[in-house]
Amino acid sequence: MMDTNLYDKAYYRIGEVSKLLLVEPYVIRFWETEFKSLKPVRAASGHRLYRKKDVETLILIKKLLYEQRFTISGAKQYLLKASREKTAVEVDSDRQRLAEIKKELVGIRNLIG
């Protein structure tokens, strides 16, 4: 069982991520080539540095592949669909917030003028 408690760090080295996920570093490097959403930052030394978002994506990939028995292709499709759905929700939320701001600004304009 993997420990999914991410402590607050800006970046994680591949060794830390490997221990967290209980997989070898080469597995993470392979997933990086297959899943384009994984883009760790490179340190000046060339080492991979994973953000919390990357680690969360890796946890999901492991869950899809190892627990839910997805193929690589199936996991890619799942992540793409999830990303699109998240984007649609974010756009709706942004539109709603903009409508609220517009309503407030119209109210202020009416008070002033």
N, C-alpha and C. Protein backbone atom coordinates (compact mmCIF):
# COMPACT_ATOMS: atom_id res chain seq x y z
N MET A 1 0.85 -1.19 0.00
CA MET A 1 0.00 0.00 0.00
C MET A 1 0.89 1.24 0.00
N MET A 2 0.54 2.18 -0.86
CA MET A 2 1.39 3.37 -0.96
C MET A 2 0.91 4.45 0.00
N ASP A 3 1.85 5.23 0.48
CA ASP A 3 1.56 6.36 1.34
C ASP A 3 1.27 7.56 0.44
N THR A 4 0.02 8.03 0.43
CA THR A 4 -0.34 9.13 -0.46
C THR A 4 -0.33 10.47 0.26
N ASN A 5 0.24 10.52 1.46
CA ASN A 5 0.34 11.80 2.17
C ASN A 5 1.53 12.58 1.62
N LEU A 6 1.23 13.59 0.84
CA LEU A 6 2.30 14.41 0.28
C LEU A 6 2.59 15.55 1.25
N TYR A 7 3.81 15.61 1.69
CA TYR A 7 4.16 16.72 2.55
C TYR A 7 4.42 17.94 1.68
N ASP A 8 4.36 19.10 2.29
CA ASP A 8 4.42 20.33 1.52
C ASP A 8 5.84 20.66 1.09
N LYS A 9 6.13 20.30 -0.13
CA LYS A 9 7.39 20.63 -0.78
C LYS A 9 7.03 21.13 -2.17
N ALA A 10 7.85 21.99 -2.69
CA ALA A 10 7.60 22.48 -4.05
C ALA A 10 7.94 21.40 -5.07
N TYR A 11 9.02 20.65 -4.83
CA TYR A 11 9.48 19.66 -5.79
C TYR A 11 9.90 18.38 -5.08
N TYR A 12 9.75 17.27 -5.79
CA TYR A 12 10.14 15.96 -5.29
C TYR A 12 11.10 15.33 -6.29
N ARG A 13 12.16 14.72 -5.80
CA ARG A 13 13.10 14.02 -6.67
C ARG A 13 12.53 12.66 -7.03
N ILE A 14 13.02 12.08 -8.11
CA ILE A 14 12.48 10.81 -8.59
C ILE A 14 12.59 9.71 -7.54
N GLY A 15 13.65 9.72 -6.74
CA GLY A 15 13.80 8.72 -5.68
C GLY A 15 12.69 8.81 -4.64
N GLU A 16 12.32 10.04 -4.28
CA GLU A 16 11.23 10.24 -3.32
C GLU A 16 9.91 9.75 -3.90
N VAL A 17 9.67 10.09 -5.16
CA VAL A 17 8.43 9.68 -5.83
C VAL A 17 8.40 8.16 -5.96
N SER A 18 9.52 7.57 -6.28
CA SER A 18 9.64 6.13 -6.41
C SER A 18 9.26 5.42 -5.11
N LYS A 19 9.79 5.92 -3.99
CA LYS A 19 9.47 5.34 -2.68
C LYS A 19 7.99 5.55 -2.33
N LEU A 20 7.47 6.70 -2.65
CA LEU A 20 6.07 7.00 -2.37
C LEU A 20 5.14 6.05 -3.13
N LEU A 21 5.44 5.82 -4.39
CA LEU A 21 4.59 4.99 -5.24
C LEU A 21 4.90 3.50 -5.14
N LEU A 22 6.04 3.18 -4.52
CA LEU A 22 6.49 1.79 -4.43
C LEU A 22 6.71 1.18 -5.81
N VAL A 23 7.32 1.95 -6.69
CA VAL A 23 7.74 1.47 -8.01
C VAL A 23 9.17 1.92 -8.25
N GLU A 24 9.85 1.25 -9.14
CA GLU A 24 11.23 1.61 -9.46
C GLU A 24 11.27 2.91 -10.27
N PRO A 25 12.34 3.67 -10.16
CA PRO A 25 12.46 4.92 -10.92
C PRO A 25 12.30 4.73 -12.43
N TYR A 26 12.76 3.59 -12.99
CA TYR A 26 12.63 3.40 -14.43
C TYR A 26 11.17 3.32 -14.86
N VAL A 27 10.31 2.85 -13.96
CA VAL A 27 8.87 2.79 -14.27
C VAL A 27 8.33 4.21 -14.41
N ILE A 28 8.73 5.09 -13.52
CA ILE A 28 8.29 6.49 -13.58
C ILE A 28 8.82 7.14 -14.85
N ARG A 29 10.07 6.87 -15.20
CA ARG A 29 10.63 7.43 -16.43
C ARG A 29 9.88 6.91 -17.66
N PHE A 30 9.49 5.64 -17.64
CA PHE A 30 8.72 5.09 -18.74
C PHE A 30 7.35 5.77 -18.84
N TRP A 31 6.67 5.91 -17.70
CA TRP A 31 5.36 6.58 -17.72
C TRP A 31 5.49 7.99 -18.25
N GLU A 32 6.59 8.63 -17.93
CA GLU A 32 6.84 9.98 -18.42
C GLU A 32 6.87 10.03 -19.95
N THR A 33 7.41 8.98 -20.58
CA THR A 33 7.45 8.95 -22.04
C THR A 33 6.08 8.65 -22.63
N GLU A 34 5.25 7.94 -21.90
CA GLU A 34 3.93 7.54 -22.40
C GLU A 34 2.84 8.58 -22.14
N PHE A 35 2.92 9.25 -21.02
CA PHE A 35 1.88 10.20 -20.61
C PHE A 35 2.44 11.61 -20.73
N LYS A 36 2.03 12.30 -21.77
CA LYS A 36 2.59 13.62 -22.08
C LYS A 36 2.24 14.68 -21.04
N SER A 37 1.23 14.42 -20.21
CA SER A 37 0.88 15.39 -19.16
C SER A 37 1.94 15.42 -18.06
N LEU A 38 2.79 14.42 -18.02
CA LEU A 38 3.88 14.39 -17.04
C LEU A 38 5.08 15.12 -17.61
N LYS A 39 5.37 16.27 -17.03
CA LYS A 39 6.51 17.06 -17.50
C LYS A 39 7.28 17.58 -16.31
N PRO A 40 8.11 16.73 -15.71
CA PRO A 40 8.87 17.22 -14.56
C PRO A 40 9.85 18.31 -14.99
N VAL A 41 10.10 19.20 -14.06
CA VAL A 41 11.08 20.27 -14.27
C VAL A 41 12.46 19.65 -14.17
N ARG A 42 13.40 20.17 -14.92
CA ARG A 42 14.78 19.68 -14.84
C ARG A 42 15.61 20.68 -14.04
N ALA A 43 16.31 20.18 -13.05
CA ALA A 43 17.23 21.01 -12.28
C ALA A 43 18.45 21.30 -13.15
N ALA A 44 19.25 22.25 -12.72
CA ALA A 44 20.47 22.58 -13.46
C ALA A 44 21.36 21.36 -13.61
N SER A 45 21.28 20.46 -12.64
CA SER A 45 22.08 19.23 -12.68
C SER A 45 21.50 18.18 -13.62
N GLY A 46 20.29 18.45 -14.14
CA GLY A 46 19.65 17.50 -15.05
C GLY A 46 18.69 16.55 -14.37
N HIS A 47 18.64 16.59 -13.04
CA HIS A 47 17.73 15.72 -12.31
C HIS A 47 16.28 16.14 -12.53
N ARG A 48 15.40 15.14 -12.54
CA ARG A 48 13.97 15.41 -12.65
C ARG A 48 13.44 15.89 -11.31
N LEU A 49 12.62 16.93 -11.35
CA LEU A 49 11.96 17.43 -10.14
C LEU A 49 10.46 17.46 -10.42
N TYR A 50 9.70 16.70 -9.63
CA TYR A 50 8.27 16.56 -9.84
C TYR A 50 7.51 17.49 -8.90
N ARG A 51 6.54 18.21 -9.45
CA ARG A 51 5.65 19.04 -8.65
C ARG A 51 4.58 18.16 -8.02
N LYS A 52 3.88 18.70 -7.05
CA LYS A 52 2.83 17.94 -6.37
C LYS A 52 1.80 17.45 -7.39
N LYS A 53 1.47 18.30 -8.38
CA LYS A 53 0.51 17.93 -9.42
C LYS A 53 1.01 16.72 -10.20
N ASP A 54 2.31 16.68 -10.50
CA ASP A 54 2.90 15.54 -11.21
C ASP A 54 2.79 14.27 -10.37
N VAL A 55 3.07 14.39 -9.08
CA VAL A 55 3.00 13.23 -8.19
C VAL A 55 1.57 12.71 -8.11
N GLU A 56 0.60 13.63 -8.02
CA GLU A 56 -0.81 13.21 -7.99
C GLU A 56 -1.19 12.50 -9.29
N THR A 57 -0.69 12.97 -10.41
CA THR A 57 -0.95 12.32 -11.70
C THR A 57 -0.32 10.93 -11.71
N LEU A 58 0.90 10.82 -11.20
CA LEU A 58 1.56 9.51 -11.14
C LEU A 58 0.80 8.53 -10.25
N ILE A 59 0.27 9.02 -9.13
CA ILE A 59 -0.52 8.17 -8.25
C ILE A 59 -1.75 7.66 -9.00
N LEU A 60 -2.41 8.54 -9.74
CA LEU A 60 -3.58 8.14 -10.52
C LEU A 60 -3.20 7.13 -11.60
N ILE A 61 -2.09 7.38 -12.29
CA ILE A 61 -1.64 6.45 -13.33
C ILE A 61 -1.39 5.07 -12.73
N LYS A 62 -0.72 5.03 -11.59
CA LYS A 62 -0.45 3.73 -10.96
C LYS A 62 -1.76 3.04 -10.60
N LYS A 63 -2.69 3.80 -10.07
CA LYS A 63 -3.98 3.23 -9.69
C LYS A 63 -4.70 2.66 -10.92
N LEU A 64 -4.69 3.42 -12.00
CA LEU A 64 -5.36 2.96 -13.23
C LEU A 64 -4.69 1.69 -13.78
N LEU A 65 -3.37 1.67 -13.81
CA LEU A 65 -2.66 0.54 -14.41
C LEU A 65 -2.61 -0.69 -13.50
N TYR A 66 -2.34 -0.49 -12.23
CA TYR A 66 -2.10 -1.63 -11.35
C TYR A 66 -3.37 -2.13 -10.65
N GLU A 67 -4.24 -1.21 -10.24
CA GLU A 67 -5.43 -1.62 -9.50
C GLU A 67 -6.63 -1.85 -10.41
N GLN A 68 -6.83 -0.92 -11.35
CA GLN A 68 -8.00 -1.03 -12.21
C GLN A 68 -7.68 -1.75 -13.52
N ARG A 69 -6.43 -2.15 -13.69
CA ARG A 69 -5.98 -2.98 -14.81
C ARG A 69 -6.22 -2.35 -16.18
N PHE A 70 -6.09 -1.02 -16.27
CA PHE A 70 -6.18 -0.33 -17.56
C PHE A 70 -4.95 -0.67 -18.37
N THR A 71 -5.07 -0.61 -19.69
CA THR A 71 -3.90 -0.64 -20.56
C THR A 71 -3.31 0.77 -20.57
N ILE A 72 -2.11 0.91 -21.10
CA ILE A 72 -1.51 2.25 -21.23
C ILE A 72 -2.45 3.13 -22.05
N SER A 73 -2.92 2.59 -23.18
CA SER A 73 -3.82 3.34 -24.06
C SER A 73 -5.11 3.74 -23.34
N GLY A 74 -5.67 2.80 -22.59
CA GLY A 74 -6.90 3.09 -21.84
C GLY A 74 -6.68 4.15 -20.78
N ALA A 75 -5.54 4.09 -20.10
CA ALA A 75 -5.22 5.08 -19.07
C ALA A 75 -5.04 6.46 -19.70
N LYS A 76 -4.40 6.51 -20.89
CA LYS A 76 -4.25 7.80 -21.59
C LYS A 76 -5.61 8.39 -21.92
N GLN A 77 -6.51 7.56 -22.44
CA GLN A 77 -7.86 8.03 -22.78
C GLN A 77 -8.60 8.52 -21.53
N TYR A 78 -8.47 7.77 -20.45
CA TYR A 78 -9.12 8.16 -19.19
C TYR A 78 -8.62 9.52 -18.72
N LEU A 79 -7.30 9.71 -18.74
CA LEU A 79 -6.71 10.98 -18.29
C LEU A 79 -7.12 12.13 -19.20
N LEU A 80 -7.18 11.88 -20.50
CA LEU A 80 -7.59 12.91 -21.46
C LEU A 80 -9.03 13.31 -21.21
N LYS A 81 -9.89 12.33 -21.01
CA LYS A 81 -11.31 12.62 -20.75
C LYS A 81 -11.46 13.38 -19.43
N ALA A 82 -10.75 12.95 -18.40
CA ALA A 82 -10.81 13.63 -17.10
C ALA A 82 -10.32 15.06 -17.21
N SER A 83 -9.28 15.28 -17.99
CA SER A 83 -8.74 16.62 -18.19
C SER A 83 -9.76 17.52 -18.89
N ARG A 84 -10.40 16.98 -19.91
CA ARG A 84 -11.42 17.75 -20.64
C ARG A 84 -12.59 18.11 -19.74
N GLU A 85 -13.04 17.14 -18.93
CA GLU A 85 -14.16 17.40 -18.03
C GLU A 85 -13.79 18.46 -17.00
N LYS A 86 -12.56 18.39 -16.47
CA LYS A 86 -12.10 19.37 -15.49
C LYS A 86 -12.05 20.76 -16.13
N THR A 87 -11.56 20.83 -17.36
CA THR A 87 -11.49 22.10 -18.07
C THR A 87 -12.87 22.68 -18.27
N ALA A 88 -13.84 21.86 -18.64
CA ALA A 88 -15.21 22.33 -18.86
C ALA A 88 -15.80 22.88 -17.56
N VAL A 89 -15.55 22.21 -16.45
CA VAL A 89 -16.05 22.68 -15.15
C VAL A 89 -15.39 24.00 -14.79
N GLU A 90 -14.09 24.12 -15.04
CA GLU A 90 -13.37 25.36 -14.74
C GLU A 90 -13.90 26.51 -15.57
N VAL A 91 -14.20 26.27 -16.86
CA VAL A 91 -14.74 27.31 -17.74
C VAL A 91 -16.10 27.76 -17.23
N ASP A 92 -16.95 26.81 -16.85
CA ASP A 92 -18.27 27.16 -16.32
C ASP A 92 -18.14 27.98 -15.04
N SER A 93 -17.22 27.59 -14.18
CA SER A 93 -17.00 28.31 -12.94
C SER A 93 -16.50 29.72 -13.22
N ASP A 94 -15.58 29.86 -14.17
CA ASP A 94 -15.07 31.18 -14.55
C ASP A 94 -16.18 32.06 -15.11
N ARG A 95 -17.02 31.51 -15.97
CA ARG A 95 -18.14 32.27 -16.53
C ARG A 95 -19.09 32.74 -15.45
N GLN A 96 -19.36 31.85 -14.52
CA GLN A 96 -20.27 32.21 -13.42
C GLN A 96 -19.66 33.33 -12.58
N ARG A 97 -18.40 33.23 -12.27
CA ARG A 97 -17.73 34.27 -11.48
C ARG A 97 -17.70 35.59 -12.23
N LEU A 98 -17.43 35.58 -13.54
CA LEU A 98 -17.44 36.80 -14.34
C LEU A 98 -18.83 37.44 -14.38
N ALA A 99 -19.87 36.62 -14.44
CA ALA A 99 -21.23 37.15 -14.43
C ALA A 99 -21.51 37.85 -13.10
N GLU A 100 -21.03 37.26 -12.00
CA GLU A 100 -21.20 37.88 -10.68
C GLU A 100 -20.46 39.21 -10.61
N ILE A 101 -19.24 39.25 -11.12
CA ILE A 101 -18.44 40.47 -11.10
C ILE A 101 -19.13 41.55 -11.94
N LYS A 102 -19.62 41.16 -13.11
CA LYS A 102 -20.31 42.11 -13.98
C LYS A 102 -21.53 42.69 -13.26
N LYS A 103 -22.28 41.84 -12.60
CA LYS A 103 -23.47 42.29 -11.87
C LYS A 103 -23.08 43.31 -10.78
N GLU A 104 -21.99 43.01 -10.06
CA GLU A 104 -21.51 43.93 -9.02
C GLU A 104 -21.06 45.25 -9.63
N LEU A 105 -20.36 45.20 -10.74
CA LEU A 105 -19.88 46.43 -11.38
C LEU A 105 -21.04 47.27 -11.91
N VAL A 106 -22.04 46.63 -12.47
CA VAL A 106 -23.23 47.35 -12.94
C VAL A 106 -23.92 48.04 -11.75
N GLY A 107 -23.99 47.33 -10.63
CA GLY A 107 -24.57 47.90 -9.43
C GLY A 107 -23.80 49.12 -8.93
N ILE A 108 -22.48 49.03 -8.95
CA ILE A 108 -21.63 50.16 -8.55
C ILE A 108 -21.82 51.33 -9.51
N ARG A 109 -21.86 51.05 -10.81
CA ARG A 109 -22.06 52.11 -11.80
C ARG A 109 -23.39 52.81 -11.58
N ASN A 110 -24.42 52.04 -11.27
CA ASN A 110 -25.73 52.63 -11.04
C ASN A 110 -25.74 53.50 -9.77
N LEU A 111 -24.96 53.10 -8.76
CA LEU A 111 -24.87 53.91 -7.55
C LEU A 111 -24.15 55.24 -7.80
N ILE A 112 -23.12 55.19 -8.62
CA ILE A 112 -22.30 56.37 -8.90
C ILE A 112 -23.03 57.33 -9.84
N GLY A 113 -23.63 56.78 -10.86
CA GLY A 113 -24.06 57.65 -11.91
C GLY A 113 -25.48 57.76 -12.19
